[in-house]
Amino acid sequence: MPRRFVIAPLVAVLFAVLFAAACSAPQSSPASDSASAGATPTPTASAPADVAAGDRVFEIRTYTTLPGRLDALQARFRDHTMQIFEKHGMTNVGYWVPQDSARKDNTLIYIISHASRAQADKNWEAFGNDPEWQKVAAESEKDGKIIDKIESVYATATDYSPIK
């Protein structure tokens, strides 16, 4: 069995567990010790007000970078991509890098949400056609291509999910 077919289900299970744990963990209050020490409280991932119950879809994306390009990808997300996602109706839920040594240097995994599956297609089309995104993508790749592979999975929250 090819290794990617073994890793993909394990990654999905890992994120389900981490995501559930993160959503059920108590949030820091502004007066807590960690907040006063400079730590930023973890935001909650609530659905936008205009999303009808049951329509929201989550997109779990895994980016594999070319060797030595993860820092460039993270800078692009940190400085530009997340804001452009929001501009086009995508909600940033969370961003992670694996801890295992095999993938920690070339993998970014993130979850965004869309109002619906049909809206996801519209969001991505608008994002891809956005002149700001096109400029950011070109500038971030001035030293060479960043992405080797992108995997995307759309998911619907279960009735028992702490986040919907």
N, C-alpha and C. Protein backbone atom coordinates (compact mmCIF):
# COMPACT_ATOMS: atom_id res chain seq x y z
N MET A 1 0.86 -1.18 0.00
CA MET A 1 0.00 0.00 0.00
C MET A 1 0.90 1.24 0.00
N PRO A 2 0.67 2.19 -0.92
CA PRO A 2 1.50 3.39 -0.96
C PRO A 2 1.42 4.14 0.36
N ARG A 3 2.52 4.73 0.72
CA ARG A 3 2.63 5.41 2.00
C ARG A 3 1.61 6.54 2.16
N ARG A 4 1.30 7.26 1.07
CA ARG A 4 0.38 8.38 1.19
C ARG A 4 -1.02 7.93 1.57
N PHE A 5 -1.40 6.69 1.20
CA PHE A 5 -2.72 6.18 1.55
C PHE A 5 -2.79 5.78 3.02
N VAL A 6 -1.64 5.55 3.63
CA VAL A 6 -1.58 5.25 5.06
C VAL A 6 -1.55 6.56 5.85
N ILE A 7 -0.79 7.53 5.37
CA ILE A 7 -0.61 8.79 6.09
C ILE A 7 -1.88 9.63 6.06
N ALA A 8 -2.57 9.70 4.92
CA ALA A 8 -3.74 10.57 4.81
C ALA A 8 -4.80 10.27 5.86
N PRO A 9 -5.21 9.00 6.07
CA PRO A 9 -6.20 8.74 7.12
C PRO A 9 -5.67 9.07 8.51
N LEU A 10 -4.38 8.84 8.74
CA LEU A 10 -3.81 9.16 10.04
C LEU A 10 -3.82 10.66 10.29
N VAL A 11 -3.49 11.44 9.25
CA VAL A 11 -3.52 12.89 9.38
C VAL A 11 -4.95 13.36 9.66
N ALA A 12 -5.93 12.77 8.97
CA ALA A 12 -7.33 13.15 9.18
C ALA A 12 -7.76 12.87 10.61
N VAL A 13 -7.40 11.71 11.14
CA VAL A 13 -7.75 11.36 12.52
C VAL A 13 -7.05 12.30 13.49
N LEU A 14 -5.77 12.57 13.24
CA LEU A 14 -5.01 13.47 14.10
C LEU A 14 -5.68 14.84 14.16
N PHE A 15 -6.07 15.38 13.03
CA PHE A 15 -6.69 16.69 13.02
C PHE A 15 -8.05 16.68 13.68
N ALA A 16 -8.79 15.62 13.51
CA ALA A 16 -10.08 15.53 14.18
C ALA A 16 -9.90 15.58 15.69
N VAL A 17 -8.92 14.84 16.20
CA VAL A 17 -8.65 14.82 17.64
C VAL A 17 -8.14 16.18 18.11
N LEU A 18 -7.16 16.75 17.38
CA LEU A 18 -6.61 18.05 17.77
C LEU A 18 -7.67 19.14 17.69
N PHE A 19 -8.46 19.10 16.65
CA PHE A 19 -9.49 20.11 16.44
C PHE A 19 -10.53 20.04 17.56
N ALA A 20 -10.96 18.83 17.90
CA ALA A 20 -11.94 18.66 18.98
C ALA A 20 -11.36 19.13 20.30
N ALA A 21 -10.09 18.80 20.55
CA ALA A 21 -9.46 19.21 21.80
C ALA A 21 -9.33 20.73 21.86
N ALA A 22 -8.95 21.34 20.75
CA ALA A 22 -8.79 22.79 20.72
C ALA A 22 -10.12 23.50 20.93
N CYS A 23 -11.17 22.95 20.35
CA CYS A 23 -12.49 23.58 20.46
C CYS A 23 -13.09 23.43 21.84
N SER A 24 -12.74 22.36 22.54
CA SER A 24 -13.33 22.14 23.85
C SER A 24 -12.46 22.67 24.99
N ALA A 25 -11.24 23.10 24.68
CA ALA A 25 -10.36 23.63 25.72
C ALA A 25 -10.88 24.97 26.20
N PRO A 26 -10.74 25.24 27.50
CA PRO A 26 -11.18 26.54 28.00
C PRO A 26 -10.35 27.65 27.38
N GLN A 27 -10.98 28.75 27.06
CA GLN A 27 -10.30 29.88 26.46
C GLN A 27 -9.74 30.77 27.56
N SER A 28 -8.60 31.40 27.28
CA SER A 28 -8.00 32.32 28.23
C SER A 28 -8.84 33.58 28.31
N SER A 29 -9.00 34.08 29.51
CA SER A 29 -9.67 35.36 29.66
C SER A 29 -8.61 36.45 29.57
N PRO A 30 -9.01 37.66 29.20
CA PRO A 30 -8.03 38.73 29.07
C PRO A 30 -7.26 38.98 30.36
N ALA A 31 -7.83 38.64 31.50
CA ALA A 31 -7.16 38.88 32.77
C ALA A 31 -6.29 37.71 33.21
N SER A 32 -6.22 36.65 32.41
CA SER A 32 -5.45 35.48 32.82
C SER A 32 -3.96 35.76 32.79
N ASP A 33 -3.19 34.89 33.45
CA ASP A 33 -1.75 35.05 33.49
C ASP A 33 -1.13 35.01 32.11
N SER A 34 -1.58 34.07 31.24
CA SER A 34 -0.97 33.97 29.92
C SER A 34 -1.26 35.21 29.08
N ALA A 35 -2.45 35.77 29.22
CA ALA A 35 -2.78 36.97 28.45
C ALA A 35 -1.94 38.15 28.93
N SER A 36 -1.76 38.26 30.25
CA SER A 36 -0.97 39.37 30.75
C SER A 36 0.51 39.19 30.46
N ALA A 37 0.92 37.96 30.16
CA ALA A 37 2.32 37.70 29.82
C ALA A 37 2.57 37.91 28.33
N GLY A 38 1.56 38.35 27.57
CA GLY A 38 1.75 38.64 26.16
C GLY A 38 1.19 37.61 25.22
N ALA A 39 0.69 36.49 25.72
CA ALA A 39 0.11 35.47 24.85
C ALA A 39 -1.24 35.95 24.33
N THR A 40 -1.52 35.63 23.08
CA THR A 40 -2.79 36.00 22.49
C THR A 40 -3.81 34.91 22.76
N PRO A 41 -4.98 35.26 23.30
CA PRO A 41 -6.00 34.24 23.54
C PRO A 41 -6.42 33.58 22.23
N THR A 42 -6.75 32.30 22.29
CA THR A 42 -7.17 31.57 21.11
C THR A 42 -8.58 32.00 20.74
N PRO A 43 -8.77 32.46 19.47
CA PRO A 43 -10.12 32.85 19.07
C PRO A 43 -10.98 31.63 18.82
N THR A 44 -12.27 31.80 18.95
CA THR A 44 -13.18 30.70 18.63
C THR A 44 -13.53 30.78 17.15
N ALA A 45 -13.86 29.63 16.57
CA ALA A 45 -14.19 29.57 15.15
C ALA A 45 -15.69 29.47 15.00
N SER A 46 -16.36 30.58 15.14
CA SER A 46 -17.81 30.55 15.02
C SER A 46 -18.21 30.83 13.57
N ALA A 47 -19.38 30.35 13.21
CA ALA A 47 -19.87 30.54 11.85
C ALA A 47 -20.28 32.00 11.64
N PRO A 48 -20.06 32.51 10.44
CA PRO A 48 -20.56 33.86 10.15
C PRO A 48 -22.07 33.91 10.34
N ALA A 49 -22.60 35.07 10.66
CA ALA A 49 -24.02 35.22 10.98
C ALA A 49 -24.93 34.83 9.82
N ASP A 50 -24.45 34.97 8.57
CA ASP A 50 -25.30 34.68 7.43
C ASP A 50 -25.25 33.22 6.97
N VAL A 51 -24.58 32.36 7.71
CA VAL A 51 -24.49 30.94 7.34
C VAL A 51 -25.66 30.19 7.97
N ALA A 52 -26.48 29.59 7.14
CA ALA A 52 -27.62 28.80 7.63
C ALA A 52 -27.12 27.54 8.29
N ALA A 53 -27.80 27.11 9.34
CA ALA A 53 -27.42 25.89 10.05
C ALA A 53 -27.36 24.73 9.07
N GLY A 54 -26.29 23.98 9.11
CA GLY A 54 -26.16 22.79 8.27
C GLY A 54 -25.53 23.03 6.92
N ASP A 55 -25.40 24.29 6.47
CA ASP A 55 -24.81 24.56 5.16
C ASP A 55 -23.30 24.73 5.21
N ARG A 56 -22.78 25.15 6.34
CA ARG A 56 -21.36 25.45 6.46
C ARG A 56 -20.53 24.22 6.12
N VAL A 57 -19.46 24.44 5.37
CA VAL A 57 -18.57 23.36 4.99
C VAL A 57 -17.15 23.76 5.39
N PHE A 58 -16.41 22.79 5.90
CA PHE A 58 -15.02 22.99 6.27
C PHE A 58 -14.14 22.42 5.17
N GLU A 59 -13.05 23.09 4.94
CA GLU A 59 -12.09 22.61 3.95
C GLU A 59 -10.76 22.39 4.66
N ILE A 60 -10.29 21.17 4.62
CA ILE A 60 -9.01 20.81 5.24
C ILE A 60 -8.00 20.72 4.11
N ARG A 61 -7.01 21.59 4.15
CA ARG A 61 -6.04 21.66 3.05
C ARG A 61 -4.64 21.35 3.58
N THR A 62 -3.91 20.58 2.80
CA THR A 62 -2.53 20.22 3.13
C THR A 62 -1.64 20.68 1.99
N TYR A 63 -0.69 21.54 2.31
CA TYR A 63 0.26 22.03 1.31
C TYR A 63 1.61 21.39 1.60
N THR A 64 2.19 20.80 0.58
CA THR A 64 3.55 20.28 0.66
C THR A 64 4.41 21.21 -0.17
N THR A 65 5.47 21.74 0.45
CA THR A 65 6.32 22.69 -0.25
C THR A 65 7.52 21.99 -0.87
N LEU A 66 8.14 22.70 -1.77
CA LEU A 66 9.42 22.25 -2.30
C LEU A 66 10.45 22.41 -1.18
N PRO A 67 11.57 21.70 -1.23
CA PRO A 67 12.56 21.77 -0.15
C PRO A 67 12.98 23.21 0.16
N GLY A 68 12.97 23.52 1.45
CA GLY A 68 13.42 24.83 1.92
C GLY A 68 12.44 25.97 1.71
N ARG A 69 11.20 25.70 1.33
CA ARG A 69 10.26 26.77 0.99
C ARG A 69 9.10 26.95 1.98
N LEU A 70 9.10 26.17 3.08
CA LEU A 70 8.01 26.29 4.05
C LEU A 70 7.97 27.68 4.68
N ASP A 71 9.11 28.25 5.00
CA ASP A 71 9.12 29.59 5.60
C ASP A 71 8.49 30.62 4.67
N ALA A 72 8.77 30.52 3.37
CA ALA A 72 8.17 31.44 2.40
C ALA A 72 6.66 31.27 2.35
N LEU A 73 6.20 30.02 2.40
CA LEU A 73 4.76 29.77 2.39
C LEU A 73 4.10 30.33 3.65
N GLN A 74 4.73 30.10 4.79
CA GLN A 74 4.15 30.61 6.04
C GLN A 74 4.12 32.13 6.06
N ALA A 75 5.16 32.76 5.54
CA ALA A 75 5.17 34.23 5.48
C ALA A 75 4.04 34.73 4.58
N ARG A 76 3.82 34.05 3.46
CA ARG A 76 2.75 34.46 2.55
C ARG A 76 1.39 34.34 3.23
N PHE A 77 1.16 33.24 3.95
CA PHE A 77 -0.11 33.09 4.66
C PHE A 77 -0.24 34.12 5.77
N ARG A 78 0.81 34.27 6.57
CA ARG A 78 0.78 35.17 7.72
C ARG A 78 0.54 36.62 7.28
N ASP A 79 1.23 37.04 6.23
CA ASP A 79 1.22 38.44 5.84
C ASP A 79 0.12 38.82 4.85
N HIS A 80 -0.41 37.83 4.10
CA HIS A 80 -1.34 38.19 3.03
C HIS A 80 -2.53 37.25 2.86
N THR A 81 -2.26 35.96 2.70
CA THR A 81 -3.29 35.01 2.27
C THR A 81 -4.49 34.98 3.20
N MET A 82 -4.25 34.94 4.50
CA MET A 82 -5.37 34.85 5.44
C MET A 82 -6.33 36.03 5.27
N GLN A 83 -5.79 37.22 5.09
CA GLN A 83 -6.63 38.40 4.93
C GLN A 83 -7.39 38.34 3.60
N ILE A 84 -6.75 37.85 2.56
CA ILE A 84 -7.43 37.75 1.26
C ILE A 84 -8.51 36.68 1.32
N PHE A 85 -8.26 35.59 2.05
CA PHE A 85 -9.32 34.58 2.26
C PHE A 85 -10.56 35.24 2.85
N GLU A 86 -10.38 36.01 3.93
CA GLU A 86 -11.50 36.66 4.60
C GLU A 86 -12.25 37.59 3.65
N LYS A 87 -11.50 38.31 2.84
CA LYS A 87 -12.08 39.23 1.86
C LYS A 87 -13.04 38.50 0.91
N HIS A 88 -12.76 37.22 0.66
CA HIS A 88 -13.56 36.45 -0.29
C HIS A 88 -14.49 35.44 0.40
N GLY A 89 -14.85 35.71 1.66
CA GLY A 89 -15.87 34.92 2.33
C GLY A 89 -15.39 33.64 2.98
N MET A 90 -14.09 33.42 3.04
CA MET A 90 -13.56 32.22 3.70
C MET A 90 -13.22 32.58 5.14
N THR A 91 -13.55 31.69 6.07
CA THR A 91 -13.26 31.90 7.48
C THR A 91 -12.04 31.07 7.86
N ASN A 92 -11.01 31.72 8.39
CA ASN A 92 -9.82 31.01 8.86
C ASN A 92 -10.15 30.32 10.17
N VAL A 93 -9.96 29.00 10.21
CA VAL A 93 -10.24 28.23 11.42
C VAL A 93 -8.95 27.92 12.16
N GLY A 94 -7.93 27.43 11.48
CA GLY A 94 -6.67 27.10 12.15
C GLY A 94 -5.60 26.68 11.16
N TYR A 95 -4.35 26.84 11.59
CA TYR A 95 -3.18 26.52 10.77
C TYR A 95 -2.19 25.74 11.62
N TRP A 96 -1.59 24.68 11.04
CA TRP A 96 -0.68 23.81 11.77
C TRP A 96 0.46 23.34 10.88
N VAL A 97 1.58 23.01 11.54
CA VAL A 97 2.66 22.26 10.89
C VAL A 97 2.81 20.96 11.68
N PRO A 98 3.05 19.86 10.99
CA PRO A 98 3.20 18.58 11.68
C PRO A 98 4.40 18.58 12.62
N GLN A 99 4.34 17.75 13.64
CA GLN A 99 5.47 17.59 14.55
C GLN A 99 6.41 16.48 14.10
N ASP A 100 5.90 15.52 13.32
CA ASP A 100 6.75 14.41 12.92
C ASP A 100 7.86 14.91 11.99
N SER A 101 9.05 14.36 12.16
CA SER A 101 10.22 14.84 11.44
C SER A 101 10.11 14.67 9.93
N ALA A 102 9.33 13.72 9.48
CA ALA A 102 9.22 13.47 8.04
C ALA A 102 8.53 14.62 7.30
N ARG A 103 7.64 15.35 7.97
CA ARG A 103 6.85 16.37 7.27
C ARG A 103 6.94 17.77 7.88
N LYS A 104 7.63 17.92 9.00
CA LYS A 104 7.62 19.21 9.68
C LYS A 104 8.30 20.33 8.90
N ASP A 105 9.19 19.99 7.99
CA ASP A 105 9.93 21.01 7.26
C ASP A 105 9.31 21.38 5.91
N ASN A 106 8.23 20.68 5.52
CA ASN A 106 7.68 20.98 4.19
C ASN A 106 6.15 20.92 4.13
N THR A 107 5.47 20.95 5.28
CA THR A 107 4.01 20.77 5.26
C THR A 107 3.29 21.82 6.10
N LEU A 108 2.25 22.38 5.51
CA LEU A 108 1.34 23.28 6.21
C LEU A 108 -0.05 22.70 6.04
N ILE A 109 -0.76 22.56 7.14
CA ILE A 109 -2.13 22.04 7.12
C ILE A 109 -3.02 23.11 7.73
N TYR A 110 -4.12 23.39 7.06
CA TYR A 110 -5.02 24.39 7.61
C TYR A 110 -6.47 24.04 7.32
N ILE A 111 -7.35 24.66 8.10
CA ILE A 111 -8.78 24.49 7.91
C ILE A 111 -9.40 25.87 7.74
N ILE A 112 -10.20 26.00 6.70
CA ILE A 112 -11.01 27.19 6.50
C ILE A 112 -12.46 26.72 6.36
N SER A 113 -13.38 27.64 6.48
CA SER A 113 -14.78 27.26 6.27
C SER A 113 -15.41 28.19 5.25
N HIS A 114 -16.48 27.68 4.65
CA HIS A 114 -17.25 28.41 3.64
C HIS A 114 -18.72 28.31 4.03
N ALA A 115 -19.53 29.23 3.55
CA ALA A 115 -20.96 29.22 3.85
C ALA A 115 -21.64 27.96 3.34
N SER A 116 -21.16 27.40 2.25
CA SER A 116 -21.71 26.17 1.67
C SER A 116 -20.68 25.61 0.69
N ARG A 117 -20.92 24.41 0.21
CA ARG A 117 -20.01 23.81 -0.77
C ARG A 117 -20.04 24.60 -2.08
N ALA A 118 -21.22 25.01 -2.50
CA ALA A 118 -21.33 25.82 -3.72
C ALA A 118 -20.61 27.16 -3.55
N GLN A 119 -20.74 27.74 -2.36
CA GLN A 119 -20.08 29.01 -2.10
C GLN A 119 -18.56 28.84 -2.08
N ALA A 120 -18.07 27.68 -1.65
CA ALA A 120 -16.63 27.42 -1.66
C ALA A 120 -16.07 27.58 -3.07
N ASP A 121 -16.77 27.02 -4.05
CA ASP A 121 -16.31 27.14 -5.44
C ASP A 121 -16.26 28.61 -5.87
N LYS A 122 -17.27 29.37 -5.50
CA LYS A 122 -17.31 30.80 -5.84
C LYS A 122 -16.19 31.56 -5.12
N ASN A 123 -15.97 31.21 -3.83
CA ASN A 123 -14.91 31.86 -3.06
C ASN A 123 -13.55 31.64 -3.71
N TRP A 124 -13.27 30.39 -4.09
CA TRP A 124 -11.97 30.08 -4.70
C TRP A 124 -11.81 30.76 -6.05
N GLU A 125 -12.88 30.84 -6.82
CA GLU A 125 -12.80 31.52 -8.12
C GLU A 125 -12.47 33.00 -7.92
N ALA A 126 -13.17 33.64 -6.98
CA ALA A 126 -12.92 35.06 -6.70
C ALA A 126 -11.51 35.26 -6.16
N PHE A 127 -11.07 34.36 -5.29
CA PHE A 127 -9.72 34.44 -4.73
C PHE A 127 -8.68 34.36 -5.85
N GLY A 128 -8.82 33.36 -6.72
CA GLY A 128 -7.85 33.17 -7.81
C GLY A 128 -7.80 34.32 -8.78
N ASN A 129 -8.91 35.03 -8.95
CA ASN A 129 -8.98 36.17 -9.87
C ASN A 129 -8.64 37.50 -9.22
N ASP A 130 -8.40 37.50 -7.93
CA ASP A 130 -8.12 38.73 -7.20
C ASP A 130 -6.74 39.28 -7.59
N PRO A 131 -6.66 40.51 -8.10
CA PRO A 131 -5.37 41.08 -8.48
C PRO A 131 -4.39 41.17 -7.31
N GLU A 132 -4.91 41.42 -6.10
CA GLU A 132 -4.04 41.46 -4.92
C GLU A 132 -3.39 40.10 -4.71
N TRP A 133 -4.18 39.01 -4.79
CA TRP A 133 -3.63 37.67 -4.62
C TRP A 133 -2.62 37.36 -5.72
N GLN A 134 -2.92 37.71 -6.95
CA GLN A 134 -2.02 37.43 -8.06
C GLN A 134 -0.68 38.12 -7.86
N LYS A 135 -0.72 39.36 -7.36
CA LYS A 135 0.51 40.10 -7.08
C LYS A 135 1.29 39.45 -5.94
N VAL A 136 0.59 39.10 -4.86
CA VAL A 136 1.23 38.46 -3.70
C VAL A 136 1.87 37.14 -4.11
N ALA A 137 1.15 36.33 -4.87
CA ALA A 137 1.67 35.03 -5.30
C ALA A 137 2.93 35.21 -6.14
N ALA A 138 2.90 36.14 -7.08
CA ALA A 138 4.06 36.37 -7.94
C ALA A 138 5.26 36.88 -7.13
N GLU A 139 5.02 37.82 -6.23
CA GLU A 139 6.11 38.36 -5.42
C GLU A 139 6.70 37.31 -4.49
N SER A 140 5.86 36.46 -3.93
CA SER A 140 6.36 35.45 -2.98
C SER A 140 7.15 34.35 -3.69
N GLU A 141 6.97 34.23 -5.00
CA GLU A 141 7.69 33.20 -5.75
C GLU A 141 8.84 33.78 -6.58
N LYS A 142 9.27 34.99 -6.24
CA LYS A 142 10.38 35.61 -6.98
C LYS A 142 11.67 34.80 -6.84
N ASP A 143 11.81 34.05 -5.74
CA ASP A 143 12.99 33.21 -5.53
C ASP A 143 12.74 31.77 -5.95
N GLY A 144 11.62 31.51 -6.59
CA GLY A 144 11.30 30.16 -7.05
C GLY A 144 9.95 29.69 -6.55
N LYS A 145 9.47 28.67 -7.21
CA LYS A 145 8.18 28.07 -6.87
C LYS A 145 8.18 27.61 -5.41
N ILE A 146 7.03 27.69 -4.75
CA ILE A 146 6.91 27.32 -3.34
C ILE A 146 6.22 25.97 -3.17
N ILE A 147 5.10 25.79 -3.83
CA ILE A 147 4.24 24.63 -3.61
C ILE A 147 4.61 23.47 -4.51
N ASP A 148 4.70 22.28 -3.91
CA ASP A 148 4.88 21.05 -4.67
C ASP A 148 3.54 20.37 -4.90
N LYS A 149 2.69 20.34 -3.84
CA LYS A 149 1.42 19.62 -3.94
C LYS A 149 0.41 20.23 -2.98
N ILE A 150 -0.87 20.25 -3.41
CA ILE A 150 -1.97 20.70 -2.56
C ILE A 150 -3.02 19.60 -2.52
N GLU A 151 -3.44 19.26 -1.30
CA GLU A 151 -4.53 18.30 -1.11
C GLU A 151 -5.66 19.03 -0.40
N SER A 152 -6.89 18.76 -0.81
CA SER A 152 -8.05 19.42 -0.22
C SER A 152 -9.16 18.41 0.03
N VAL A 153 -9.76 18.51 1.23
CA VAL A 153 -10.89 17.66 1.60
C VAL A 153 -11.98 18.57 2.16
N TYR A 154 -13.19 18.45 1.63
CA TYR A 154 -14.33 19.18 2.17
C TYR A 154 -15.04 18.29 3.17
N ALA A 155 -15.47 18.89 4.29
CA ALA A 155 -16.12 18.10 5.35
C ALA A 155 -17.27 18.90 5.95
N THR A 156 -18.26 18.16 6.41
CA THR A 156 -19.41 18.73 7.09
C THR A 156 -19.33 18.32 8.56
N ALA A 157 -19.63 19.24 9.46
CA ALA A 157 -19.58 18.93 10.89
C ALA A 157 -20.65 17.91 11.25
N THR A 158 -20.30 17.01 12.14
CA THR A 158 -21.26 16.04 12.65
C THR A 158 -22.20 16.72 13.65
N ASP A 159 -23.28 16.05 14.00
CA ASP A 159 -24.23 16.62 14.95
C ASP A 159 -23.63 16.76 16.35
N TYR A 160 -22.55 16.03 16.64
CA TYR A 160 -21.93 16.08 17.96
C TYR A 160 -20.64 16.91 17.97
N SER A 161 -20.31 17.52 16.86
CA SER A 161 -19.10 18.33 16.77
C SER A 161 -19.23 19.59 17.63
N PRO A 162 -18.17 19.95 18.37
CA PRO A 162 -18.23 21.18 19.16
C PRO A 162 -18.21 22.43 18.28
N ILE A 163 -17.81 22.29 17.04
CA ILE A 163 -17.83 23.42 16.11
C ILE A 163 -18.66 23.02 14.90
N LYS A 164 -19.51 23.90 14.46
CA LYS A 164 -20.41 23.59 13.34
C LYS A 164 -20.31 24.62 12.26
